């Protein structure tokens, strides 16, 4: 089984000069084949304390993790954030943000 996954949202970052990494995990493990599914956001806006919230996407294909091949059936899929810059996804004060995860299964 090969999974195509996409995550679309706002990627919030509050601290300047920091990098955040957003990745998919399958049952708590990152994809190993063909490669990890990762996107990153680096914020640098001079000396200002601006908060940035650009729209973002994490997408790719996965057919195996360190535990072995992806199997058909129930699977926990999550977007994991490694942050050094106080990061969030889909958070808005006083407004609405729509975030979504799309999962498609391809059977060879």
PDB file of N, CA and C in Angstrom:
ATOM      1  N   UNK A   1       0.834  -1.186   0.000  1.00  0.00           N
ATOM      2  CA  UNK A   1       0.000   0.000   0.000  1.00  0.00           C
ATOM      3  C   UNK A   1       0.876   1.245   0.000  1.00  0.00           C
ATOM      4  N   UNK A   2       0.512   2.182  -0.815  1.00  0.00           N
ATOM      5  CA  UNK A   2       1.190   3.483  -0.857  1.00  0.00           C
ATOM      6  C   UNK A   2       0.153   4.537  -0.483  1.00  0.00           C
ATOM      7  N   UNK A   3       0.523   5.427   0.431  1.00  0.00           N
ATOM      8  CA  UNK A   3      -0.374   6.501   0.830  1.00  0.00           C
ATOM      9  C   UNK A   3       0.118   7.822   0.287  1.00  0.00           C
ATOM     10  N   UNK A   4      -0.810   8.595  -0.256  1.00  0.00           N
ATOM     11  CA  UNK A   4      -0.545   9.987  -0.616  1.00  0.00           C
ATOM     12  C   UNK A   4      -1.229  10.811   0.460  1.00  0.00           C
ATOM     13  N   UNK A   5      -0.462  11.674   1.131  1.00  0.00           N
ATOM     14  CA  UNK A   5      -1.019  12.488   2.215  1.00  0.00           C
ATOM     15  C   UNK A   5      -0.742  13.956   1.963  1.00  0.00           C
ATOM     16  N   UNK A   6      -1.697  14.798   2.335  1.00  0.00           N
ATOM     17  CA  UNK A   6      -1.551  16.252   2.225  1.00  0.00           C
ATOM     18  C   UNK A   6      -2.145  16.895   3.470  1.00  0.00           C
ATOM     19  N   UNK A   7      -1.466  17.917   3.987  1.00  0.00           N
ATOM     20  CA  UNK A   7      -1.979  18.717   5.086  1.00  0.00           C
ATOM     21  C   UNK A   7      -1.900  20.173   4.659  1.00  0.00           C
ATOM     22  N   UNK A   8      -3.026  20.881   4.726  1.00  0.00           N
ATOM     23  CA  UNK A   8      -3.096  22.290   4.353  1.00  0.00           C
ATOM     24  C   UNK A   8      -3.621  23.074   5.554  1.00  0.00           C
ATOM     25  N   UNK A   9      -2.931  24.162   5.901  1.00  0.00           N
ATOM     26  CA  UNK A   9      -3.340  24.971   7.045  1.00  0.00           C
ATOM     27  C   UNK A   9      -2.569  26.284   7.042  1.00  0.00           C
ATOM     28  N   UNK A  10      -2.755  27.087   8.074  1.00  0.00           N
ATOM     29  CA  UNK A  10      -1.904  28.238   8.357  1.00  0.00           C
ATOM     30  C   UNK A  10      -0.790  27.737   9.270  1.00  0.00           C
ATOM     31  N   UNK A  11       0.441  28.143   9.015  1.00  0.00           N
ATOM     32  CA  UNK A  11       1.575  27.758   9.854  1.00  0.00           C
ATOM     33  C   UNK A  11       2.006  28.987  10.646  1.00  0.00           C
ATOM     34  N   UNK A  12       1.722  29.003  11.931  1.00  0.00           N
ATOM     35  CA  UNK A  12       2.009  30.154  12.788  1.00  0.00           C
ATOM     36  C   UNK A  12       3.380  30.036  13.414  1.00  0.00           C
ATOM     37  N   UNK A  13       4.099  31.140  13.455  1.00  0.00           N
ATOM     38  CA  UNK A  13       5.392  31.172  14.138  1.00  0.00           C
ATOM     39  C   UNK A  13       5.547  32.509  14.843  1.00  0.00           C
ATOM     40  N   UNK A  14       5.843  32.459  16.138  1.00  0.00           N
ATOM     41  CA  UNK A  14       5.883  33.661  16.960  1.00  0.00           C
ATOM     42  C   UNK A  14       7.278  34.200  17.221  1.00  0.00           C
ATOM     43  N   UNK A  15       8.311  33.382  17.200  1.00  0.00           N
ATOM     44  CA  UNK A  15       9.646  33.858  17.539  1.00  0.00           C
ATOM     45  C   UNK A  15      10.481  34.073  16.291  1.00  0.00           C
ATOM     46  N   UNK A  16      11.318  35.095  16.328  1.00  0.00           N
ATOM     47  CA  UNK A  16      12.139  35.475  15.190  1.00  0.00           C
ATOM     48  C   UNK A  16      13.433  34.655  15.148  1.00  0.00           C
ATOM     49  N   UNK A  17      13.959  34.444  13.942  1.00  0.00           N
ATOM     50  CA  UNK A  17      15.223  33.754  13.769  1.00  0.00           C
ATOM     51  C   UNK A  17      15.167  32.284  14.138  1.00  0.00           C
ATOM     52  N   UNK A  18      14.016  31.665  13.965  1.00  0.00           N
ATOM     53  CA  UNK A  18      13.831  30.265  14.339  1.00  0.00           C
ATOM     54  C   UNK A  18      13.271  29.466  13.174  1.00  0.00           C
ATOM     55  N   UNK A  19      13.487  28.165  13.240  1.00  0.00           N
ATOM     56  CA  UNK A  19      13.002  27.260  12.202  1.00  0.00           C
ATOM     57  C   UNK A  19      12.079  26.226  12.828  1.00  0.00           C
ATOM     58  N   UNK A  20      10.981  25.942  12.158  1.00  0.00           N
ATOM     59  CA  UNK A  20      10.049  24.900  12.581  1.00  0.00           C
ATOM     60  C   UNK A  20       9.910  23.887  11.459  1.00  0.00           C
ATOM     61  N   UNK A  21       9.785  22.625  11.854  1.00  0.00           N
ATOM     62  CA  UNK A  21       9.656  21.545  10.878  1.00  0.00           C
ATOM     63  C   UNK A  21       8.329  20.833  11.107  1.00  0.00           C
ATOM     64  N   UNK A  22       7.587  20.634  10.041  1.00  0.00           N
ATOM     65  CA  UNK A  22       6.293  19.979  10.074  1.00  0.00           C
ATOM     66  C   UNK A  22       6.410  18.675   9.299  1.00  0.00           C
ATOM     67  N   UNK A  23       6.029  17.542   9.917  1.00  0.00           N
ATOM     68  CA  UNK A  23       6.166  16.261   9.232  1.00  0.00           C
ATOM     69  C   UNK A  23       4.983  15.351   9.543  1.00  0.00           C
ATOM     70  N   UNK A  24       4.723  14.425   8.643  1.00  0.00           N
ATOM     71  CA  UNK A  24       3.697  13.416   8.858  1.00  0.00           C
ATOM     72  C   UNK A  24       4.269  12.254   9.644  1.00  0.00           C
ATOM     73  N   UNK A  25       3.444  11.690  10.527  1.00  0.00           N
ATOM     74  CA  UNK A  25       3.799  10.458  11.219  1.00  0.00           C
ATOM     75  C   UNK A  25       2.668   9.461  11.034  1.00  0.00           C
ATOM     76  N   UNK A  26       3.038   8.210  10.879  1.00  0.00           N
ATOM     77  CA  UNK A  26       2.101   7.117  10.670  1.00  0.00           C
ATOM     78  C   UNK A  26       2.265   6.155  11.841  1.00  0.00           C
ATOM     79  N   UNK A  27       1.231   6.025  12.683  1.00  0.00           N
ATOM     80  CA  UNK A  27       1.327   5.254  13.927  1.00  0.00           C
ATOM     81  C   UNK A  27       2.563   5.659  14.727  1.00  0.00           C
ATOM     82  N   UNK A  28       2.835   6.985  14.770  1.00  0.00           N
ATOM     83  CA  UNK A  28       3.927   7.514  15.572  1.00  0.00           C
ATOM     84  C   UNK A  28       5.303   7.440  14.936  1.00  0.00           C
ATOM     85  N   UNK A  29       5.407   7.000  13.693  1.00  0.00           N
ATOM     86  CA  UNK A  29       6.692   6.857  13.016  1.00  0.00           C
ATOM     87  C   UNK A  29       6.713   7.694  11.738  1.00  0.00           C
ATOM     88  N   UNK A  30       7.867   8.319  11.455  1.00  0.00           N
ATOM     89  CA  UNK A  30       7.995   9.054  10.195  1.00  0.00           C
ATOM     90  C   UNK A  30       8.171   8.083   9.035  1.00  0.00           C
ATOM     91  N   UNK A  31       7.767   8.537   7.877  1.00  0.00           N
ATOM     92  CA  UNK A  31       7.941   7.753   6.662  1.00  0.00           C
ATOM     93  C   UNK A  31       9.438   7.569   6.386  1.00  0.00           C
ATOM     94  N   UNK A  32       9.827   6.376   5.932  1.00  0.00           N
ATOM     95  CA  UNK A  32      11.225   6.126   5.545  1.00  0.00           C
ATOM     96  C   UNK A  32      11.349   5.822   4.054  1.00  0.00           C
ATOM     97  N   UNK A  33      10.253   5.408   3.425  1.00  0.00           N
ATOM     98  CA  UNK A  33      10.303   5.108   1.997  1.00  0.00           C
ATOM     99  C   UNK A  33       9.122   5.760   1.304  1.00  0.00           C
ATOM    100  N   UNK A  34       9.304   6.548   0.285  1.00  0.00           N
ATOM    101  CA  UNK A  34      10.600   6.823  -0.326  1.00  0.00           C
ATOM    102  C   UNK A  34      11.459   7.795   0.478  1.00  0.00           C
ATOM    103  N   UNK A  35      10.838   8.652   1.330  1.00  0.00           N
ATOM    104  CA  UNK A  35      11.598   9.616   2.137  1.00  0.00           C
ATOM    105  C   UNK A  35      10.644  10.225   3.163  1.00  0.00           C
ATOM    106  N   UNK A  36      11.162  10.863   4.222  1.00  0.00           N
ATOM    107  CA  UNK A  36      10.270  11.560   5.157  1.00  0.00           C
ATOM    108  C   UNK A  36       9.457  12.641   4.434  1.00  0.00           C
ATOM    109  N   UNK A  37       8.240  12.859   4.909  1.00  0.00           N
ATOM    110  CA  UNK A  37       7.358  13.877   4.339  1.00  0.00           C
ATOM    111  C   UNK A  37       7.438  15.086   5.260  1.00  0.00           C
ATOM    112  N   UNK A  38       8.177  16.121   4.827  1.00  0.00           N
ATOM    113  CA  UNK A  38       8.550  17.223   5.710  1.00  0.00           C
ATOM    114  C   UNK A  38       8.443  18.561   4.984  1.00  0.00           C
ATOM    115  N   UNK A  39       8.078  19.604   5.732  1.00  0.00           N
ATOM    116  CA  UNK A  39       8.159  20.976   5.267  1.00  0.00           C
ATOM    117  C   UNK A  39       8.671  21.807   6.436  1.00  0.00           C
ATOM    118  N   UNK A  40       9.354  22.892   6.145  1.00  0.00           N
ATOM    119  CA  UNK A  40       9.870  23.717   7.230  1.00  0.00           C
ATOM    120  C   UNK A  40       9.557  25.188   6.974  1.00  0.00           C
ATOM    121  N   UNK A  41       9.581  25.959   8.050  1.00  0.00           N
ATOM    122  CA  UNK A  41       9.312  27.390   7.989  1.00  0.00           C
ATOM    123  C   UNK A  41      10.363  28.092   8.829  1.00  0.00           C
ATOM    124  N   UNK A  42      11.085  29.019   8.216  1.00  0.00           N
ATOM    125  CA  UNK A  42      12.068  29.823   8.931  1.00  0.00           C
ATOM    126  C   UNK A  42      11.573  31.257   8.941  1.00  0.00           C
ATOM    127  N   UNK A  43      11.636  31.895  10.099  1.00  0.00           N
ATOM    128  CA  UNK A  43      11.153  33.274  10.221  1.00  0.00           C
ATOM    129  C   UNK A  43      12.325  34.196  10.505  1.00  0.00           C
ATOM    130  N   UNK A  44      12.476  35.204   9.657  1.00  0.00           N
ATOM    131  CA  UNK A  44      13.429  36.267   9.928  1.00  0.00           C
ATOM    132  C   UNK A  44      12.844  37.572   9.409  1.00  0.00           C
ATOM    133  N   UNK A  45      12.515  38.459  10.315  1.00  0.00           N
ATOM    134  CA  UNK A  45      11.920  39.747   9.924  1.00  0.00           C
ATOM    135  C   UNK A  45      12.673  40.890  10.601  1.00  0.00           C
ATOM    136  N   UNK A  46      14.000  40.825  10.573  1.00  0.00           N
ATOM    137  CA  UNK A  46      14.803  41.878  11.185  1.00  0.00           C
ATOM    138  C   UNK A  46      14.665  41.857  12.697  1.00  0.00           C
ATOM    139  N   UNK A  47      14.616  43.029  13.302  1.00  0.00           N
ATOM    140  CA  UNK A  47      14.512  43.120  14.755  1.00  0.00           C
ATOM    141  C   UNK A  47      13.074  43.158  15.248  1.00  0.00           C
ATOM    142  N   UNK A  48      12.144  43.015  14.345  1.00  0.00           N
ATOM    143  CA  UNK A  48      10.746  43.152  14.725  1.00  0.00           C
ATOM    144  C   UNK A  48      10.231  41.867  15.362  1.00  0.00           C
ATOM    145  N   UNK A  49       9.154  42.002  16.088  1.00  0.00           N
ATOM    146  CA  UNK A  49       8.530  40.851  16.724  1.00  0.00           C
ATOM    147  C   UNK A  49       7.300  40.369  15.979  1.00  0.00           C
ATOM    148  N   UNK A  50       7.222  40.619  14.674  1.00  0.00           N
ATOM    149  CA  UNK A  50       6.058  40.206  13.896  1.00  0.00           C
ATOM    150  C   UNK A  50       5.789  38.719  14.070  1.00  0.00           C
ATOM    151  N   UNK A  51       4.522  38.387  14.143  1.00  0.00           N
ATOM    152  CA  UNK A  51       4.092  37.000  14.067  1.00  0.00           C
ATOM    153  C   UNK A  51       3.737  36.750  12.607  1.00  0.00           C
ATOM    154  N   UNK A  52       4.209  35.643  12.066  1.00  0.00           N
ATOM    155  CA  UNK A  52       3.853  35.326  10.679  1.00  0.00           C
ATOM    156  C   UNK A  52       2.954  34.104  10.663  1.00  0.00           C
ATOM    157  N   UNK A  53       2.065  34.050   9.692  1.00  0.00           N
ATOM    158  CA  UNK A  53       1.113  32.953   9.577  1.00  0.00           C
ATOM    159  C   UNK A  53       0.814  32.673   8.112  1.00  0.00           C
ATOM    160  N   UNK A  54       1.827  32.249   7.345  1.00  0.00           N
ATOM    161  CA  UNK A  54       1.566  31.976   5.939  1.00  0.00           C
ATOM    162  C   UNK A  54       0.791  30.672   5.762  1.00  0.00           C
ATOM    163  N   UNK A  55       0.022  30.578   4.684  1.00  0.00           N
ATOM    164  CA  UNK A  55      -0.585  29.293   4.387  1.00  0.00           C
ATOM    165  C   UNK A  55       0.522  28.298   4.077  1.00  0.00           C
ATOM    166  N   UNK A  56       0.323  27.053   4.457  1.00  0.00           N
ATOM    167  CA  UNK A  56       1.364  26.059   4.223  1.00  0.00           C
ATOM    168  C   UNK A  56       0.798  24.712   3.841  1.00  0.00           C
ATOM    169  N   UNK A  57       1.683  23.866   3.351  1.00  0.00           N
ATOM    170  CA  UNK A  57       1.308  22.530   2.923  1.00  0.00           C
ATOM    171  C   UNK A  57       2.447  21.573   3.237  1.00  0.00           C
ATOM    172  N   UNK A  58       2.080  20.389   3.692  1.00  0.00           N
ATOM    173  CA  UNK A  58       3.010  19.275   3.833  1.00  0.00           C
ATOM    174  C   UNK A  58       2.388  18.156   3.015  1.00  0.00           C
ATOM    175  N   UNK A  59       3.105  17.624   2.036  1.00  0.00           N
ATOM    176  CA  UNK A  59       2.504  16.583   1.202  1.00  0.00           C
ATOM    177  C   UNK A  59       3.565  15.636   0.672  1.00  0.00           C
ATOM    178  N   UNK A  60       3.145  14.430   0.382  1.00  0.00           N
ATOM    179  CA  UNK A  60       4.059  13.446  -0.193  1.00  0.00           C
ATOM    180  C   UNK A  60       3.462  12.056  -0.201  1.00  0.00           C
ATOM    181  N   UNK A  61       4.308  11.083  -0.537  1.00  0.00           N
ATOM    182  CA  UNK A  61       3.914   9.681  -0.617  1.00  0.00           C
ATOM    183  C   UNK A  61       4.686   8.880   0.418  1.00  0.00           C
ATOM    184  N   UNK A  62       4.067   7.815   0.947  1.00  0.00           N
ATOM    185  CA  UNK A  62       4.741   6.953   1.913  1.00  0.00           C
ATOM    186  C   UNK A  62       4.297   5.513   1.690  1.00  0.00           C
ATOM    187  N   UNK A  63       5.274   4.601   1.670  1.00  0.00           N
ATOM    188  CA  UNK A  63       4.920   3.182   1.609  1.00  0.00           C
ATOM    189  C   UNK A  63       5.573   2.374   2.719  1.00  0.00           C
ATOM    190  N   UNK A  64       6.420   3.017   3.578  1.00  0.00           N
ATOM    191  CA  UNK A  64       7.012   2.282   4.694  1.00  0.00           C
ATOM    192  C   UNK A  64       7.535   3.241   5.759  1.00  0.00           C
ATOM    193  N   UNK A  65       7.514   2.772   7.024  1.00  0.00           N
ATOM    194  CA  UNK A  65       8.136   3.471   8.147  1.00  0.00           C
ATOM    195  C   UNK A  65       9.218   2.558   8.704  1.00  0.00           C
ATOM    196  N   UNK A  66       9.845   2.971   9.795  1.00  0.00           N
ATOM    197  CA  UNK A  66      10.890   2.133  10.390  1.00  0.00           C
ATOM    198  C   UNK A  66      10.325   0.809  10.910  1.00  0.00           C
ATOM    199  N   UNK A  67       9.021   0.741  11.095  1.00  0.00           N
ATOM    200  CA  UNK A  67       8.370  -0.504  11.543  1.00  0.00           C
ATOM    201  C   UNK A  67       8.043  -1.447  10.392  1.00  0.00           C
ATOM    202  N   UNK A  68       8.192  -0.989   9.158  1.00  0.00           N
ATOM    203  CA  UNK A  68       7.908  -1.839   8.012  1.00  0.00           C
ATOM    204  C   UNK A  68       6.929  -1.187   7.058  1.00  0.00           C
ATOM    205  N   UNK A  69       6.454  -1.973   6.083  1.00  0.00           N
ATOM    206  CA  UNK A  69       5.542  -1.436   5.068  1.00  0.00           C
ATOM    207  C   UNK A  69       4.226  -0.945   5.671  1.00  0.00           C
ATOM    208  N   UNK A  70       3.645   0.074   5.029  1.00  0.00           N
ATOM    209  CA  UNK A  70       2.307   0.542   5.402  1.00  0.00           C
ATOM    210  C   UNK A  70       1.318  -0.540   4.992  1.00  0.00           C
ATOM    211  N   UNK A  71       0.445  -0.909   5.910  1.00  0.00           N
ATOM    212  CA  UNK A  71      -0.557  -1.936   5.640  1.00  0.00           C
ATOM    213  C   UNK A  71      -1.932  -1.295   5.492  1.00  0.00           C
ATOM    214  N   UNK A  72      -2.788  -1.924   4.707  1.00  0.00           N
ATOM    215  CA  UNK A  72      -4.178  -1.466   4.636  1.00  0.00           C
ATOM    216  C   UNK A  72      -4.831  -1.690   5.983  1.00  0.00           C
ATOM    217  N   UNK A  73      -5.757  -0.818   6.344  1.00  0.00           N
ATOM    218  CA  UNK A  73      -6.459  -0.967   7.604  1.00  0.00           C
ATOM    219  C   UNK A  73      -6.306   0.276   8.458  1.00  0.00           C
ATOM    220  N   UNK A  74      -6.764   0.200   9.719  1.00  0.00           N
ATOM    221  CA  UNK A  74      -6.697   1.369  10.612  1.00  0.00           C
ATOM    222  C   UNK A  74      -5.262   1.863  10.796  1.00  0.00           C
ATOM    223  N   UNK A  75      -5.098   3.170  10.736  1.00  0.00           N
ATOM    224  CA  UNK A  75      -3.770   3.776  10.816  1.00  0.00           C
ATOM    225  C   UNK A  75      -3.922   5.157  11.433  1.00  0.00           C
ATOM    226  N   UNK A  76      -3.121   5.469  12.421  1.00  0.00           N
ATOM    227  CA  UNK A  76      -3.126   6.797  13.024  1.00  0.00           C
ATOM    228  C   UNK A  76      -2.164   7.687  12.245  1.00  0.00           C
ATOM    229  N   UNK A  77      -2.680   8.781  11.680  1.00  0.00           N
ATOM    230  CA  UNK A  77      -1.855   9.714  10.904  1.00  0.00           C
ATOM    231  C   UNK A  77      -1.899  11.068  11.601  1.00  0.00           C
ATOM    232  N   UNK A  78      -0.723  11.659  11.844  1.00  0.00           N
ATOM    233  CA  UNK A  78      -0.678  12.955  12.517  1.00  0.00           C
ATOM    234  C   UNK A  78       0.376  13.843  11.877  1.00  0.00           C
ATOM    235  N   UNK A  79       0.220  15.136  12.092  1.00  0.00           N
ATOM    236  CA  UNK A  79       1.237  16.100  11.674  1.00  0.00           C
ATOM    237  C   UNK A  79       2.030  16.459  12.921  1.00  0.00           C
ATOM    238  N   UNK A  80       3.318  16.198  12.888  1.00  0.00           N
ATOM    239  CA  UNK A  80       4.203  16.421  14.027  1.00  0.00           C
ATOM    240  C   UNK A  80       4.964  17.726  13.806  1.00  0.00           C
ATOM    241  N   UNK A  81       5.116  18.539  14.856  1.00  0.00           N
ATOM    242  CA  UNK A  81       5.846  19.803  14.752  1.00  0.00           C
ATOM    243  C   UNK A  81       7.078  19.740  15.645  1.00  0.00           C
ATOM    244  N   UNK A  82       8.259  19.921  15.040  1.00  0.00           N
ATOM    245  CA  UNK A  82       9.485  20.131  15.797  1.00  0.00           C
ATOM    246  C   UNK A  82       9.732  21.630  15.765  1.00  0.00           C
ATOM    247  N   UNK A  83       9.764  22.251  16.917  1.00  0.00           N
ATOM    248  CA  UNK A  83       9.809  23.709  16.916  1.00  0.00           C
ATOM    249  C   UNK A  83      10.911  24.269  17.800  1.00  0.00           C
ATOM    250  N   UNK A  84      11.509  25.320  17.316  1.00  0.00           N
ATOM    251  CA  UNK A  84      12.384  26.137  18.155  1.00  0.00           C
ATOM    252  C   UNK A  84      11.829  27.556  18.191  1.00  0.00           C
ATOM    253  N   UNK A  85      10.635  27.736  17.596  1.00  0.00           N
ATOM    254  CA  UNK A  85      10.082  29.079  17.443  1.00  0.00           C
ATOM    255  C   UNK A  85       8.642  29.238  17.838  1.00  0.00           C
ATOM    256  N   UNK A  86       8.120  28.409  18.774  1.00  0.00           N
ATOM    257  CA  UNK A  86       6.762  28.575  19.269  1.00  0.00           C
ATOM    258  C   UNK A  86       5.757  28.499  18.118  1.00  0.00           C
ATOM    259  N   UNK A  87       5.630  27.332  17.520  1.00  0.00           N
ATOM    260  CA  UNK A  87       4.831  27.153  16.311  1.00  0.00           C
ATOM    261  C   UNK A  87       3.466  26.523  16.593  1.00  0.00           C
ATOM    262  N   UNK A  88       2.515  26.860  15.730  1.00  0.00           N
ATOM    263  CA  UNK A  88       1.168  26.304  15.777  1.00  0.00           C
ATOM    264  C   UNK A  88       0.698  26.100  14.347  1.00  0.00           C
ATOM    265  N   UNK A  89      -0.386  25.333  14.205  1.00  0.00           N
ATOM    266  CA  UNK A  89      -1.053  25.251  12.908  1.00  0.00           C
ATOM    267  C   UNK A  89      -2.530  25.550  13.111  1.00  0.00           C
ATOM    268  N   UNK A  90      -3.113  26.267  12.163  1.00  0.00           N
ATOM    269  CA  UNK A  90      -4.547  26.496  12.154  1.00  0.00           C
ATOM    270  C   UNK A  90      -5.107  27.335  13.277  1.00  0.00           C
ATOM    271  N   UNK A  91      -4.299  28.086  13.991  1.00  0.00           N
ATOM    272  CA  UNK A  91      -4.790  28.875  15.122  1.00  0.00           C
ATOM    273  C   UNK A  91      -5.043  30.313  14.690  1.00  0.00           C
ATOM    274  N   UNK A  92      -6.241  30.810  14.993  1.00  0.00           N
ATOM    275  CA  UNK A  92      -6.579  32.194  14.665  1.00  0.00           C
ATOM    276  C   UNK A  92      -7.367  32.780  15.820  1.00  0.00           C
ATOM    277  N   UNK A  93      -7.068  34.009  16.191  1.00  0.00           N
ATOM    278  CA  UNK A  93      -7.853  34.707  17.206  1.00  0.00           C
ATOM    279  C   UNK A  93      -8.941  35.514  16.517  1.00  0.00           C
ATOM    280  N   UNK A  94     -10.191  35.236  16.843  1.00  0.00           N
ATOM    281  CA  UNK A  94     -11.308  36.003  16.325  1.00  0.00           C
ATOM    282  C   UNK A  94     -11.675  35.713  14.877  1.00  0.00           C
ATOM    283  N   UNK A  95     -11.056  34.752  14.250  1.00  0.00           N
ATOM    284  CA  UNK A  95     -11.378  34.407  12.868  1.00  0.00           C
ATOM    285  C   UNK A  95     -11.473  32.902  12.715  1.00  0.00           C
ATOM    286  N   UNK A  96     -11.584  32.462  11.497  1.00  0.00           N
ATOM    287  CA  UNK A  96     -11.693  31.028  11.247  1.00  0.00           C
ATOM    288  C   UNK A  96     -10.619  30.598  10.261  1.00  0.00           C
ATOM    289  N   UNK A  97     -10.043  29.457  10.515  1.00  0.00           N
ATOM    290  CA  UNK A  97      -9.084  28.845   9.602  1.00  0.00           C
ATOM    291  C   UNK A  97      -9.531  27.417   9.350  1.00  0.00           C
ATOM    292  N   UNK A  98      -9.537  27.015   8.126  1.00  0.00           N
ATOM    293  CA  UNK A  98      -9.859  25.643   7.793  1.00  0.00           C
ATOM    294  C   UNK A  98      -8.566  24.900   7.514  1.00  0.00           C
ATOM    295  N   UNK A  99      -8.346  23.832   8.239  1.00  0.00           N
ATOM    296  CA  UNK A  99      -7.207  22.952   8.013  1.00  0.00           C
ATOM    297  C   UNK A  99      -7.759  21.607   7.555  1.00  0.00           C
ATOM    298  N   UNK A 100      -7.035  20.925   6.683  1.00  0.00           N
ATOM    299  CA  UNK A 100      -7.503  19.598   6.320  1.00  0.00           C
ATOM    300  C   UNK A 100      -6.345  18.680   5.983  1.00  0.00           C
ATOM    301  N   UNK A 101      -6.602  17.394   6.217  1.00  0.00           N
ATOM    302  CA  UNK A 101      -5.676  16.327   5.845  1.00  0.00           C
ATOM    303  C   UNK A 101      -6.390  15.474   4.813  1.00  0.00           C
ATOM    304  N   UNK A 102      -5.722  15.238   3.714  1.00  0.00           N
ATOM    305  CA  UNK A 102      -6.234  14.381   2.651  1.00  0.00           C
ATOM    306  C   UNK A 102      -5.363  13.131   2.620  1.00  0.00           C
ATOM    307  N   UNK A 103      -5.996  11.970   2.627  1.00  0.00           N
ATOM    308  CA  UNK A 103      -5.279  10.703   2.558  1.00  0.00           C
ATOM    309  C   UNK A 103      -5.876   9.886   1.420  1.00  0.00           C
ATOM    310  N   UNK A 104      -5.037   9.487   0.490  1.00  0.00           N
ATOM    311  CA  UNK A 104      -5.464   8.623  -0.614  1.00  0.00           C
ATOM    312  C   UNK A 104      -4.606   7.372  -0.588  1.00  0.00           C
ATOM    313  N   UNK A 105      -5.249   6.232  -0.799  1.00  0.00           N
ATOM    314  CA  UNK A 105      -4.540   4.961  -0.801  1.00  0.00           C
ATOM    315  C   UNK A 105      -4.370   4.457  -2.226  1.00  0.00           C
ATOM    316  N   UNK A 106      -3.148   4.092  -2.558  1.00  0.00           N
ATOM    317  CA  UNK A 106      -2.830   3.502  -3.858  1.00  0.00           C
ATOM    318  C   UNK A 106      -2.408   2.059  -3.616  1.00  0.00           C
ATOM    319  N   UNK A 107      -3.072   1.105  -4.241  1.00  0.00           N
ATOM    320  CA  UNK A 107      -2.709  -0.296  -4.110  1.00  0.00           C
ATOM    321  C   UNK A 107      -2.037  -0.763  -5.405  1.00  0.00           C
ATOM    322  N   UNK A 108      -0.770  -1.170  -5.300  1.00  0.00           N
ATOM    323  CA  UNK A 108      -0.049  -1.594  -6.524  1.00  0.00           C
ATOM    324  C   UNK A 108      -0.626  -2.865  -7.120  1.00  0.00           C
TER     325      UNK A 108
END
